[in-house]
C-alpha atoms as a PDB file:
ATOM      1  CA  UNK A   1       2.068-131.520 -23.208  1.00  0.00           C
ATOM      2  CA  UNK A   2       1.527-127.681 -23.475  1.00  0.00           C
ATOM      3  CA  UNK A   3       1.177-126.174 -26.883  1.00  0.00           C
ATOM      4  CA  UNK A   4       0.091-122.744 -25.921  1.00  0.00           C
ATOM      5  CA  UNK A   5       3.125-121.149 -27.545  1.00  0.00           C
ATOM      6  CA  UNK A   6       1.820-122.404 -30.947  1.00  0.00           C
ATOM      7  CA  UNK A   7      -1.061-119.970 -30.715  1.00  0.00           C
ATOM      8  CA  UNK A   8       0.751-116.840 -32.114  1.00  0.00           C
ATOM      9  CA  UNK A   9       2.567-118.822 -34.741  1.00  0.00           C
ATOM     10  CA  UNK A  10      -0.635-120.489 -36.025  1.00  0.00           C
ATOM     11  CA  UNK A  11      -2.697-117.301 -36.048  1.00  0.00           C
ATOM     12  CA  UNK A  12       0.124-115.462 -37.997  1.00  0.00           C
ATOM     13  CA  UNK A  13      -0.233-117.905 -41.077  1.00  0.00           C
ATOM     14  CA  UNK A  14      -4.025-117.533 -40.818  1.00  0.00           C
ATOM     15  CA  UNK A  15      -5.086-121.203 -41.093  1.00  0.00           C
ATOM     16  CA  UNK A  16      -8.702-122.008 -41.362  1.00  0.00           C
ATOM     17  CA  UNK A  17      -8.329-124.561 -38.661  1.00  0.00           C
ATOM     18  CA  UNK A  18      -5.792-126.332 -36.611  1.00  0.00           C
ATOM     19  CA  UNK A  19      -6.500-129.299 -34.277  1.00  0.00           C
ATOM     20  CA  UNK A  20      -4.088-131.346 -32.252  1.00  0.00           C
ATOM     21  CA  UNK A  21      -5.086-134.367 -30.076  1.00  0.00           C
ATOM     22  CA  UNK A  22      -3.106-136.973 -28.149  1.00  0.00           C
ATOM     23  CA  UNK A  23      -4.963-140.237 -27.346  1.00  0.00           C
ATOM     24  CA  UNK A  24      -8.273-138.509 -28.078  1.00  0.00           C
ATOM     25  CA  UNK A  25      -7.682-135.529 -25.698  1.00  0.00           C
ATOM     26  CA  UNK A  26      -7.706-132.231 -27.505  1.00  0.00           C
ATOM     27  CA  UNK A  27      -4.400-130.286 -26.846  1.00  0.00           C
ATOM     28  CA  UNK A  28      -4.640-127.500 -29.245  1.00  0.00           C
ATOM     29  CA  UNK A  29      -7.663-125.971 -31.167  1.00  0.00           C
ATOM     30  CA  UNK A  30      -7.629-122.986 -33.470  1.00  0.00           C
ATOM     31  CA  UNK A  31     -10.274-121.600 -35.809  1.00  0.00           C
ATOM     32  CA  UNK A  32     -10.117-118.486 -37.998  1.00  0.00           C
ATOM     33  CA  UNK A  33     -13.510-117.661 -36.742  1.00  0.00           C
ATOM     34  CA  UNK A  34     -16.287-119.026 -34.705  1.00  0.00           C
ATOM     35  CA  UNK A  35     -18.475-120.511 -37.557  1.00  0.00           C
ATOM     36  CA  UNK A  36     -15.764-122.903 -38.817  1.00  0.00           C
ATOM     37  CA  UNK A  37     -16.197-125.764 -36.258  1.00  0.00           C
ATOM     38  CA  UNK A  38     -19.625-126.388 -37.735  1.00  0.00           C
ATOM     39  CA  UNK A  39     -18.833-125.810 -41.287  1.00  0.00           C
ATOM     40  CA  UNK A  40     -17.798-128.469 -43.807  1.00  0.00           C
ATOM     41  CA  UNK A  41     -14.187-128.253 -44.918  1.00  0.00           C
ATOM     42  CA  UNK A  42     -13.418-129.020 -48.465  1.00  0.00           C
ATOM     43  CA  UNK A  43     -10.686-131.640 -48.052  1.00  0.00           C
ATOM     44  CA  UNK A  44      -9.830-132.287 -51.670  1.00  0.00           C
ATOM     45  CA  UNK A  45      -7.363-135.290 -51.977  1.00  0.00           C
ATOM     46  CA  UNK A  46      -7.741-136.373 -48.245  1.00  0.00           C
ATOM     47  CA  UNK A  47     -10.742-138.080 -49.945  1.00  0.00           C
ATOM     48  CA  UNK A  48      -8.284-140.750 -51.198  1.00  0.00           C
ATOM     49  CA  UNK A  49      -7.479-141.834 -47.594  1.00  0.00           C
ATOM     50  CA  UNK A  50     -11.151-142.080 -46.730  1.00  0.00           C
ATOM     51  CA  UNK A  51     -11.538-144.079 -49.775  1.00  0.00           C
ATOM     52  CA  UNK A  52      -8.658-146.389 -48.636  1.00  0.00           C
ATOM     53  CA  UNK A  53     -10.487-146.981 -45.387  1.00  0.00           C
ATOM     54  CA  UNK A  54     -13.685-148.052 -47.173  1.00  0.00           C
ATOM     55  CA  UNK A  55     -11.782-150.361 -49.559  1.00  0.00           C
ATOM     56  CA  UNK A  56     -10.128-152.084 -46.395  1.00  0.00           C
ATOM     57  CA  UNK A  57     -13.454-152.466 -44.740  1.00  0.00           C
ATOM     58  CA  UNK A  58     -14.923-153.978 -47.778  1.00  0.00           C
ATOM     59  CA  UNK A  59     -11.964-156.480 -47.935  1.00  0.00           C
ATOM     60  CA  UNK A  60     -12.526-157.239 -44.427  1.00  0.00           C
ATOM     61  CA  UNK A  61     -16.066-157.963 -45.033  1.00  0.00           C
ATOM     62  CA  UNK A  62     -15.325-160.363 -47.899  1.00  0.00           C
ATOM     63  CA  UNK A  63     -17.169-157.984 -50.237  1.00  0.00           C
ATOM     64  CA  UNK A  64     -14.043-156.978 -52.108  1.00  0.00           C
ATOM     65  CA  UNK A  65     -11.320-159.393 -53.278  1.00  0.00           C
ATOM     66  CA  UNK A  66      -7.766-159.301 -52.066  1.00  0.00           C
ATOM     67  CA  UNK A  67      -5.386-156.432 -53.339  1.00  0.00           C
ATOM     68  CA  UNK A  68      -3.609-158.772 -55.801  1.00  0.00           C
ATOM     69  CA  UNK A  69      -6.783-159.193 -57.750  1.00  0.00           C
ATOM     70  CA  UNK A  70      -6.528-158.008 -61.271  1.00  0.00           C
ATOM     71  CA  UNK A  71      -9.021-155.112 -62.019  1.00  0.00           C
ATOM     72  CA  UNK A  72      -9.916-156.727 -65.269  1.00  0.00           C
ATOM     73  CA  UNK A  73     -12.413-158.870 -63.170  1.00  0.00           C
ATOM     74  CA  UNK A  74     -14.303-155.502 -62.815  1.00  0.00           C
ATOM     75  CA  UNK A  75     -13.371-154.044 -66.300  1.00  0.00           C
ATOM     76  CA  UNK A  76     -13.318-157.027 -68.786  1.00  0.00           C
ATOM     77  CA  UNK A  77     -12.570-154.642 -71.716  1.00  0.00           C
ATOM     78  CA  UNK A  78      -8.973-154.695 -70.406  1.00  0.00           C
ATOM     79  CA  UNK A  79      -8.564-158.232 -71.645  1.00  0.00           C
ATOM     80  CA  UNK A  80      -9.255-157.108 -75.168  1.00  0.00           C
ATOM     81  CA  UNK A  81      -6.974-153.998 -74.964  1.00  0.00           C
ATOM     82  CA  UNK A  82      -4.072-153.928 -77.569  1.00  0.00           C
ATOM     83  CA  UNK A  83      -1.629-153.445 -74.678  1.00  0.00           C
ATOM     84  CA  UNK A  84      -1.715-156.817 -73.019  1.00  0.00           C
ATOM     85  CA  UNK A  85       0.134-155.307 -69.888  1.00  0.00           C
ATOM     86  CA  UNK A  86      -3.252-153.743 -68.843  1.00  0.00           C
ATOM     87  CA  UNK A  87      -4.690-157.054 -67.829  1.00  0.00           C
ATOM     88  CA  UNK A  88      -1.997-157.303 -65.075  1.00  0.00           C
ATOM     89  CA  UNK A  89      -3.110-154.145 -63.364  1.00  0.00           C
ATOM     90  CA  UNK A  90      -4.208-155.123 -59.750  1.00  0.00           C
ATOM     91  CA  UNK A  91      -6.482-153.330 -57.123  1.00  0.00           C
ATOM     92  CA  UNK A  92      -3.134-152.780 -55.142  1.00  0.00           C
ATOM     93  CA  UNK A  93      -1.495-151.138 -58.119  1.00  0.00           C
ATOM     94  CA  UNK A  94      -4.444-148.612 -58.052  1.00  0.00           C
ATOM     95  CA  UNK A  95      -4.079-148.108 -54.325  1.00  0.00           C
ATOM     96  CA  UNK A  96      -0.246-147.332 -54.649  1.00  0.00           C
ATOM     97  CA  UNK A  97      -0.735-145.223 -57.717  1.00  0.00           C
ATOM     98  CA  UNK A  98       1.431-147.772 -59.743  1.00  0.00           C
ATOM     99  CA  UNK A  99      -0.957-149.021 -62.520  1.00  0.00           C
ATOM    100  CA  UNK A 100       1.504-147.485 -65.124  1.00  0.00           C
ATOM    101  CA  UNK A 101      -0.885-145.257 -67.108  1.00  0.00           C
ATOM    102  CA  UNK A 102       0.645-142.271 -68.823  1.00  0.00           C
ATOM    103  CA  UNK A 103      -0.781-139.557 -66.517  1.00  0.00           C
ATOM    104  CA  UNK A 104       0.192-136.211 -65.405  1.00  0.00           C
ATOM    105  CA  UNK A 105      -2.321-134.935 -62.725  1.00  0.00           C
ATOM    106  CA  UNK A 106      -1.773-131.280 -63.462  1.00  0.00           C
ATOM    107  CA  UNK A 107       0.725-129.611 -65.968  1.00  0.00           C
ATOM    108  CA  UNK A 108       2.048-131.525 -68.895  1.00  0.00           C
ATOM    109  CA  UNK A 109      -0.842-133.509 -70.412  1.00  0.00           C
ATOM    110  CA  UNK A 110      -3.328-132.162 -67.893  1.00  0.00           C
ATOM    111  CA  UNK A 111      -4.837-135.683 -67.114  1.00  0.00           C
ATOM    112  CA  UNK A 112      -7.047-134.728 -64.333  1.00  0.00           C
ATOM    113  CA  UNK A 113      -8.717-131.792 -65.902  1.00  0.00           C
ATOM    114  CA  UNK A 114      -9.209-133.906 -69.009  1.00  0.00           C
ATOM    115  CA  UNK A 115     -10.814-136.637 -67.133  1.00  0.00           C
ATOM    116  CA  UNK A 116     -13.215-134.310 -65.347  1.00  0.00           C
ATOM    117  CA  UNK A 117     -14.408-132.819 -68.784  1.00  0.00           C
ATOM    118  CA  UNK A 118     -14.990-136.316 -70.239  1.00  0.00           C
ATOM    119  CA  UNK A 119     -18.475-137.964 -70.406  1.00  0.00           C
ATOM    120  CA  UNK A 120     -17.221-141.112 -68.728  1.00  0.00           C
ATOM    121  CA  UNK A 121     -14.355-140.756 -66.255  1.00  0.00           C
ATOM    122  CA  UNK A 122     -13.863-144.434 -65.807  1.00  0.00           C
ATOM    123  CA  UNK A 123     -13.749-145.117 -69.497  1.00  0.00           C
ATOM    124  CA  UNK A 124     -11.443-142.205 -69.876  1.00  0.00           C
ATOM    125  CA  UNK A 125      -8.943-143.684 -67.300  1.00  0.00           C
ATOM    126  CA  UNK A 126      -8.988-147.195 -68.782  1.00  0.00           C
ATOM    127  CA  UNK A 127      -8.296-145.918 -72.268  1.00  0.00           C
ATOM    128  CA  UNK A 128      -5.159-144.116 -71.303  1.00  0.00           C
ATOM    129  CA  UNK A 129      -1.942-145.662 -72.673  1.00  0.00           C
ATOM    130  CA  UNK A 130       0.527-147.244 -70.356  1.00  0.00           C
ATOM    131  CA  UNK A 131       3.827-145.416 -69.857  1.00  0.00           C
ATOM    132  CA  UNK A 132       5.272-148.217 -67.552  1.00  0.00           C
ATOM    133  CA  UNK A 133       4.613-151.799 -66.743  1.00  0.00           C
ATOM    134  CA  UNK A 134       2.289-152.079 -63.705  1.00  0.00           C
ATOM    135  CA  UNK A 135       3.957-151.848 -60.411  1.00  0.00           C
ATOM    136  CA  UNK A 136       7.080-150.208 -61.581  1.00  0.00           C
ATOM    137  CA  UNK A 137       6.563-146.484 -60.801  1.00  0.00           C
ATOM    138  CA  UNK A 138       4.253-144.364 -58.680  1.00  0.00           C
ATOM    139  CA  UNK A 139       2.467-141.649 -60.773  1.00  0.00           C
ATOM    140  CA  UNK A 140       0.060-139.475 -58.755  1.00  0.00           C
ATOM    141  CA  UNK A 141      -3.374-140.122 -60.269  1.00  0.00           C
ATOM    142  CA  UNK A 142      -7.043-139.222 -59.225  1.00  0.00           C
ATOM    143  CA  UNK A 143      -7.882-141.343 -62.116  1.00  0.00           C
ATOM    144  CA  UNK A 144      -6.752-144.467 -60.274  1.00  0.00           C
ATOM    145  CA  UNK A 145      -8.811-143.349 -57.333  1.00  0.00           C
ATOM    146  CA  UNK A 146     -11.788-143.044 -59.643  1.00  0.00           C
ATOM    147  CA  UNK A 147     -11.359-146.643 -60.698  1.00  0.00           C
ATOM    148  CA  UNK A 148     -11.293-147.751 -57.152  1.00  0.00           C
ATOM    149  CA  UNK A 149     -14.470-145.943 -56.402  1.00  0.00           C
ATOM    150  CA  UNK A 150     -16.134-147.733 -59.321  1.00  0.00           C
ATOM    151  CA  UNK A 151     -14.749-151.109 -58.150  1.00  0.00           C
ATOM    152  CA  UNK A 152     -16.031-150.602 -54.561  1.00  0.00           C
ATOM    153  CA  UNK A 153     -19.377-149.464 -55.719  1.00  0.00           C
ATOM    154  CA  UNK A 154     -19.766-152.644 -57.917  1.00  0.00           C
ATOM    155  CA  UNK A 155     -18.406-154.837 -55.140  1.00  0.00           C
ATOM    156  CA  UNK A 156     -20.633-153.646 -52.284  1.00  0.00           C
ATOM    157  CA  UNK A 157     -23.740-153.062 -54.490  1.00  0.00           C
ATOM    158  CA  UNK A 158     -24.428-149.572 -53.415  1.00  0.00           C
ATOM    159  CA  UNK A 159     -23.132-146.037 -53.608  1.00  0.00           C
ATOM    160  CA  UNK A 160     -19.893-145.832 -51.611  1.00  0.00           C
ATOM    161  CA  UNK A 161     -21.355-142.883 -49.670  1.00  0.00           C
ATOM    162  CA  UNK A 162     -24.074-145.251 -48.315  1.00  0.00           C
ATOM    163  CA  UNK A 163     -21.519-147.932 -47.649  1.00  0.00           C
ATOM    164  CA  UNK A 164     -19.474-145.238 -45.678  1.00  0.00           C
ATOM    165  CA  UNK A 165     -22.621-144.206 -43.653  1.00  0.00           C
ATOM    166  CA  UNK A 166     -23.155-147.858 -42.727  1.00  0.00           C
ATOM    167  CA  UNK A 167     -19.570-148.970 -41.898  1.00  0.00           C
ATOM    168  CA  UNK A 168     -17.457-145.828 -41.274  1.00  0.00           C
ATOM    169  CA  UNK A 169     -19.389-142.502 -40.950  1.00  0.00           C
ATOM    170  CA  UNK A 170     -22.071-143.782 -38.620  1.00  0.00           C
ATOM    171  CA  UNK A 171     -19.664-145.383 -36.089  1.00  0.00           C
ATOM    172  CA  UNK A 172     -17.425-142.212 -36.114  1.00  0.00           C
ATOM    173  CA  UNK A 173     -20.527-140.056 -35.482  1.00  0.00           C
ATOM    174  CA  UNK A 174     -20.326-138.331 -38.854  1.00  0.00           C
ATOM    175  CA  UNK A 175     -23.809-137.149 -39.838  1.00  0.00           C
ATOM    176  CA  UNK A 176     -23.078-134.151 -41.991  1.00  0.00           C
ATOM    177  CA  UNK A 177     -20.875-134.419 -45.095  1.00  0.00           C
ATOM    178  CA  UNK A 178     -20.939-133.688 -48.832  1.00  0.00           C
ATOM    179  CA  UNK A 179     -19.525-135.924 -51.495  1.00  0.00           C
ATOM    180  CA  UNK A 180     -19.457-135.173 -55.267  1.00  0.00           C
ATOM    181  CA  UNK A 181     -20.180-137.449 -57.934  1.00  0.00           C
ATOM    182  CA  UNK A 182     -19.004-138.051 -61.756  1.00  0.00           C
ATOM    183  CA  UNK A 183     -21.341-137.988 -64.647  1.00  0.00           C
ATOM    184  CA  UNK A 184     -22.414-141.641 -64.026  1.00  0.00           C
ATOM    185  CA  UNK A 185     -23.198-140.983 -60.474  1.00  0.00           C
ATOM    186  CA  UNK A 186     -20.235-142.627 -58.949  1.00  0.00           C
ATOM    187  CA  UNK A 187     -18.771-140.761 -55.967  1.00  0.00           C
ATOM    188  CA  UNK A 188     -15.428-139.173 -56.694  1.00  0.00           C
ATOM    189  CA  UNK A 189     -12.591-141.332 -55.360  1.00  0.00           C
ATOM    190  CA  UNK A 190      -9.806-138.711 -55.569  1.00  0.00           C
ATOM    191  CA  UNK A 191     -11.383-135.447 -54.224  1.00  0.00           C
ATOM    192  CA  UNK A 192     -14.827-133.891 -53.722  1.00  0.00           C
ATOM    193  CA  UNK A 193     -15.423-134.810 -50.031  1.00  0.00           C
ATOM    194  CA  UNK A 194     -16.319-132.259 -47.345  1.00  0.00           C
ATOM    195  CA  UNK A 195     -16.297-132.867 -43.624  1.00  0.00           C
ATOM    196  CA  UNK A 196     -16.085-130.897 -40.431  1.00  0.00           C
ATOM    197  CA  UNK A 197     -12.384-130.578 -38.948  1.00  0.00           C
ATOM    198  CA  UNK A 198     -13.390-132.443 -35.709  1.00  0.00           C
ATOM    199  CA  UNK A 199     -14.484-135.401 -37.843  1.00  0.00           C
ATOM    200  CA  UNK A 200     -11.254-135.437 -39.809  1.00  0.00           C
ATOM    201  CA  UNK A 201      -9.602-135.669 -36.288  1.00  0.00           C
ATOM    202  CA  UNK A 202     -11.710-138.733 -35.383  1.00  0.00           C
ATOM    203  CA  UNK A 203     -10.846-140.212 -38.765  1.00  0.00           C
ATOM    204  CA  UNK A 204      -7.198-139.785 -37.864  1.00  0.00           C
ATOM    205  CA  UNK A 205      -7.617-141.217 -34.508  1.00  0.00           C
ATOM    206  CA  UNK A 206      -9.234-144.406 -36.022  1.00  0.00           C
ATOM    207  CA  UNK A 207      -5.881-144.999 -37.765  1.00  0.00           C
ATOM    208  CA  UNK A 208      -3.874-143.988 -34.603  1.00  0.00           C
ATOM    209  CA  UNK A 209      -5.701-146.806 -32.934  1.00  0.00           C
ATOM    210  CA  UNK A 210      -5.043-149.215 -35.828  1.00  0.00           C
ATOM    211  CA  UNK A 211      -8.663-149.465 -36.979  1.00  0.00           C
ATOM    212  CA  UNK A 212     -10.236-149.639 -33.634  1.00  0.00           C
ATOM    213  CA  UNK A 213     -12.824-147.150 -32.315  1.00  0.00           C
ATOM    214  CA  UNK A 214     -13.192-147.774 -28.602  1.00  0.00           C
ATOM    215  CA  UNK A 215     -14.328-151.418 -28.182  1.00  0.00           C
ATOM    216  CA  UNK A 216     -15.428-151.559 -31.750  1.00  0.00           C
ATOM    217  CA  UNK A 217     -13.129-152.599 -34.660  1.00  0.00           C
ATOM    218  CA  UNK A 218     -13.976-150.786 -37.889  1.00  0.00           C
ATOM    219  CA  UNK A 219     -10.891-151.806 -39.962  1.00  0.00           C
ATOM    220  CA  UNK A 220      -8.877-154.901 -39.280  1.00  0.00           C
ATOM    221  CA  UNK A 221      -5.498-154.212 -37.582  1.00  0.00           C
ATOM    222  CA  UNK A 222      -3.717-156.046 -40.473  1.00  0.00           C
ATOM    223  CA  UNK A 223      -5.149-153.836 -43.209  1.00  0.00           C
ATOM    224  CA  UNK A 224      -4.998-150.577 -41.081  1.00  0.00           C
ATOM    225  CA  UNK A 225      -1.267-151.050 -40.577  1.00  0.00           C
ATOM    226  CA  UNK A 226      -0.684-152.135 -44.165  1.00  0.00           C
ATOM    227  CA  UNK A 227      -2.401-149.137 -45.553  1.00  0.00           C
ATOM    228  CA  UNK A 228       0.059-146.648 -44.044  1.00  0.00           C
ATOM    229  CA  UNK A 229       3.268-148.652 -44.563  1.00  0.00           C
ATOM    230  CA  UNK A 230       5.730-147.370 -47.197  1.00  0.00           C
ATOM    231  CA  UNK A 231       4.987-149.190 -50.536  1.00  0.00           C
ATOM    232  CA  UNK A 232       6.629-147.164 -53.045  1.00  0.00           C
ATOM    233  CA  UNK A 233       8.926-144.156 -53.188  1.00  0.00           C
ATOM    234  CA  UNK A 234       6.772-140.906 -53.842  1.00  0.00           C
ATOM    235  CA  UNK A 235       7.190-139.562 -57.320  1.00  0.00           C
ATOM    236  CA  UNK A 236       8.935-136.199 -57.568  1.00  0.00           C
ATOM    237  CA  UNK A 237       8.390-133.425 -56.546  1.00  0.00           C
ATOM    238  CA  UNK A 238       6.732-135.281 -53.559  1.00  0.00           C
ATOM    239  CA  UNK A 239       8.956-136.684 -50.871  1.00  0.00           C
ATOM    240  CA  UNK A 240       8.779-139.793 -48.635  1.00  0.00           C
ATOM    241  CA  UNK A 241       6.744-142.769 -49.640  1.00  0.00           C
ATOM    242  CA  UNK A 242       3.273-143.787 -50.582  1.00  0.00           C
ATOM    243  CA  UNK A 243       1.060-146.470 -49.107  1.00  0.00           C
ATOM    244  CA  UNK A 244      -2.548-147.346 -49.824  1.00  0.00           C
ATOM    245  CA  UNK A 245      -3.728-143.784 -50.611  1.00  0.00           C
ATOM    246  CA  UNK A 246      -1.754-142.597 -47.741  1.00  0.00           C
ATOM    247  CA  UNK A 247       1.575-140.637 -47.566  1.00  0.00           C
ATOM    248  CA  UNK A 248       4.447-141.590 -45.175  1.00  0.00           C
ATOM    249  CA  UNK A 249       7.489-139.820 -44.069  1.00  0.00           C
ATOM    250  CA  UNK A 250       9.874-139.002 -41.238  1.00  0.00           C
ATOM    251  CA  UNK A 251      10.442-135.769 -39.427  1.00  0.00           C
ATOM    252  CA  UNK A 252      14.009-135.278 -38.211  1.00  0.00           C
ATOM    253  CA  UNK A 253      15.204-132.246 -36.323  1.00  0.00           C
ATOM    254  CA  UNK A 254      18.763-131.262 -36.311  1.00  0.00           C
ATOM    255  CA  UNK A 255      20.673-130.772 -33.134  1.00  0.00           C
ATOM    256  CA  UNK A 256      22.354-127.524 -34.295  1.00  0.00           C
ATOM    257  CA  UNK A 257      19.885-125.421 -36.271  1.00  0.00           C
ATOM    258  CA  UNK A 258      20.877-125.245 -39.926  1.00  0.00           C
ATOM    259  CA  UNK A 259      24.090-127.351 -39.685  1.00  0.00           C
ATOM    260  CA  UNK A 260      23.130-130.224 -41.877  1.00  0.00           C
ATOM    261  CA  UNK A 261      26.081-132.223 -40.653  1.00  0.00           C
ATOM    262  CA  UNK A 262      24.911-132.199 -37.081  1.00  0.00           C
ATOM    263  CA  UNK A 263      23.526-135.406 -35.628  1.00  0.00           C
ATOM    264  CA  UNK A 264      19.760-135.839 -35.495  1.00  0.00           C
ATOM    265  CA  UNK A 265      18.425-135.025 -32.136  1.00  0.00           C
ATOM    266  CA  UNK A 266      14.899-136.046 -32.469  1.00  0.00           C
ATOM    267  CA  UNK A 267      12.804-137.714 -35.139  1.00  0.00           C
ATOM    268  CA  UNK A 268       9.534-139.568 -35.628  1.00  0.00           C
ATOM    269  CA  UNK A 269       7.739-141.509 -38.428  1.00  0.00           C
ATOM    270  CA  UNK A 270       4.267-140.278 -39.429  1.00  0.00           C
ATOM    271  CA  UNK A 271       1.718-140.958 -42.128  1.00  0.00           C
ATOM    272  CA  UNK A 272      -0.885-138.520 -43.583  1.00  0.00           C
ATOM    273  CA  UNK A 273      -3.714-137.717 -45.730  1.00  0.00           C
ATOM    274  CA  UNK A 274      -3.158-134.752 -47.914  1.00  0.00           C
ATOM    275  CA  UNK A 275      -5.426-132.603 -49.970  1.00  0.00           C
ATOM    276  CA  UNK A 276      -4.642-129.561 -52.300  1.00  0.00           C
ATOM    277  CA  UNK A 277      -4.576-126.303 -50.778  1.00  0.00           C
ATOM    278  CA  UNK A 278      -3.520-127.139 -47.211  1.00  0.00           C
ATOM    279  CA  UNK A 279      -5.815-129.935 -46.033  1.00  0.00           C
ATOM    280  CA  UNK A 280      -4.041-132.573 -43.857  1.00  0.00           C
ATOM    281  CA  UNK A 281      -4.613-135.307 -41.320  1.00  0.00           C
ATOM    282  CA  UNK A 282      -1.224-136.249 -39.783  1.00  0.00           C
ATOM    283  CA  UNK A 283      -0.912-139.356 -37.537  1.00  0.00           C
ATOM    284  CA  UNK A 284       2.198-139.737 -35.317  1.00  0.00           C
ATOM    285  CA  UNK A 285       2.044-143.212 -33.695  1.00  0.00           C
ATOM    286  CA  UNK A 286       5.001-142.881 -31.452  1.00  0.00           C
ATOM    287  CA  UNK A 287       3.693-139.654 -30.056  1.00  0.00           C
ATOM    288  CA  UNK A 288       0.026-140.895 -30.037  1.00  0.00           C
ATOM    289  CA  UNK A 289      -0.675-137.586 -31.800  1.00  0.00           C
ATOM    290  CA  UNK A 290      -3.170-136.562 -34.615  1.00  0.00           C
ATOM    291  CA  UNK A 291      -3.039-133.208 -36.249  1.00  0.00           C
ATOM    292  CA  UNK A 292      -5.671-131.752 -38.625  1.00  0.00           C
ATOM    293  CA  UNK A 293      -5.061-128.642 -40.715  1.00  0.00           C
ATOM    294  CA  UNK A 294      -7.533-127.001 -43.063  1.00  0.00           C
ATOM    295  CA  UNK A 295      -7.131-123.988 -45.334  1.00  0.00           C
ATOM    296  CA  UNK A 296      -9.159-122.191 -47.976  1.00  0.00           C
ATOM    297  CA  UNK A 297      -6.904-119.370 -49.187  1.00  0.00           C
ATOM    298  CA  UNK A 298      -5.669-119.297 -52.815  1.00  0.00           C
ATOM    299  CA  UNK A 299      -1.970-120.345 -53.373  1.00  0.00           C
ATOM    300  CA  UNK A 300      -0.771-116.739 -53.726  1.00  0.00           C
ATOM    301  CA  UNK A 301      -2.395-115.856 -50.502  1.00  0.00           C
ATOM    302  CA  UNK A 302      -0.957-118.630 -48.468  1.00  0.00           C
ATOM    303  CA  UNK A 303       2.332-117.786 -46.446  1.00  0.00           C
ATOM    304  CA  UNK A 304       5.326-119.758 -47.565  1.00  0.00           C
ATOM    305  CA  UNK A 305       5.457-121.796 -44.353  1.00  0.00           C
ATOM    306  CA  UNK A 306       4.699-125.499 -43.918  1.00  0.00           C
ATOM    307  CA  UNK A 307       2.599-125.393 -40.645  1.00  0.00           C
ATOM    308  CA  UNK A 308       3.444-129.040 -39.826  1.00  0.00           C
ATOM    309  CA  UNK A 309       7.169-129.315 -40.502  1.00  0.00           C
ATOM    310  CA  UNK A 310       8.189-125.751 -39.558  1.00  0.00           C
ATOM    311  CA  UNK A 311       5.877-125.078 -36.564  1.00  0.00           C
ATOM    312  CA  UNK A 312       3.900-128.118 -35.195  1.00  0.00           C
ATOM    313  CA  UNK A 313       6.413-130.882 -35.555  1.00  0.00           C
ATOM    314  CA  UNK A 314       9.215-129.131 -33.614  1.00  0.00           C
ATOM    315  CA  UNK A 315       6.736-127.913 -31.027  1.00  0.00           C
ATOM    316  CA  UNK A 316       5.635-131.485 -30.414  1.00  0.00           C
ATOM    317  CA  UNK A 317       9.188-132.681 -29.826  1.00  0.00           C
ATOM    318  CA  UNK A 318      10.241-129.732 -27.622  1.00  0.00           C
ATOM    319  CA  UNK A 319       6.938-129.632 -25.532  1.00  0.00           C
ATOM    320  CA  UNK A 320       7.379-130.638 -21.855  1.00  0.00           C
ATOM    321  CA  UNK A 321       4.801-132.528 -19.764  1.00  0.00           C
ATOM    322  CA  UNK A 322       1.023-132.366 -19.776  1.00  0.00           C
ATOM    323  CA  UNK A 323      -0.375-128.855 -19.856  1.00  0.00           C
ATOM    324  CA  UNK A 324      -3.744-127.167 -20.386  1.00  0.00           C
ATOM    325  CA  UNK A 325      -5.427-127.413 -23.776  1.00  0.00           C
ATOM    326  CA  UNK A 326      -4.463-124.483 -25.901  1.00  0.00           C
ATOM    327  CA  UNK A 327      -6.936-122.563 -27.903  1.00  0.00           C
ATOM    328  CA  UNK A 328      -6.314-120.053 -30.882  1.00  0.00           C
ATOM    329  CA  UNK A 329      -7.432-116.480 -30.669  1.00  0.00           C
ATOM    330  CA  UNK A 330     -11.087-117.115 -31.460  1.00  0.00           C
ATOM    331  CA  UNK A 331     -13.845-115.046 -29.884  1.00  0.00           C
ATOM    332  CA  UNK A 332     -15.940-118.336 -29.521  1.00  0.00           C
ATOM    333  CA  UNK A 333     -13.254-119.737 -27.247  1.00  0.00           C
ATOM    334  CA  UNK A 334     -12.247-117.221 -24.710  1.00  0.00           C
END
């Protein structure tokens, strides 16, 4: 698979980094400058998918109860809440963003900024009123992720970053990272993680291989697969579906350009981690492909191009047989 023709397109939109691998073999590598490979990337909400992996590992180890467990086991105050529906919220509701809290991440009631300005983030989330019965509707919420971070820390009896070092980061070779914490010292479940692009690629490959790293299994196949299955329709303006803190969708290319009535010529299902500002880890099981994108430009400075859907996905479908690894125009990689 030769992706050298992507070089000009990717450099034109000025991505911070773009890595594409197939079965662990690097097919394309672009960095805006030579320092980026060793710099930590701010991955924002891709943190949620890392948290998902840690939750699955804790369940596999018997440290965390099954997804149907009510979160009131960890937050007993919910049993006394005037809204009796809160006692029905489960771990899985949090993982699929369906606990039912009245929440608007940004815009509207500005739930996320209000949470981060509060003295106790977990208490802030638990005190929000319900807009829906648990399980009925997805509403994107970093607050749900923070509750999961608190649950995981209590279940494993250590900071979740330490648990990650033992069970995930160590095996993946991740020695350098940064992870923010809330006022109580809990690591942020919905954002705040920084990692090198190549380690994001390794994380995506772990899920491409259904939780296995070489001969070692880090996440059970059952949970690795369940994590990335469509669980609920994504809330507008998002598209596709949401799983256990992973997004899922289908790419479909029309046979005749913009003719929407033309039959689909090629398509594939994929799942992905997504972070604000252009941070992505895409996994395409049928093609055995992992794509990592990072960016650091402000919204007004980013070109109106979806790098994956407009450039990379069509290139993957149209590429021929195996070719040489393609590298972007970086002086460090002549």
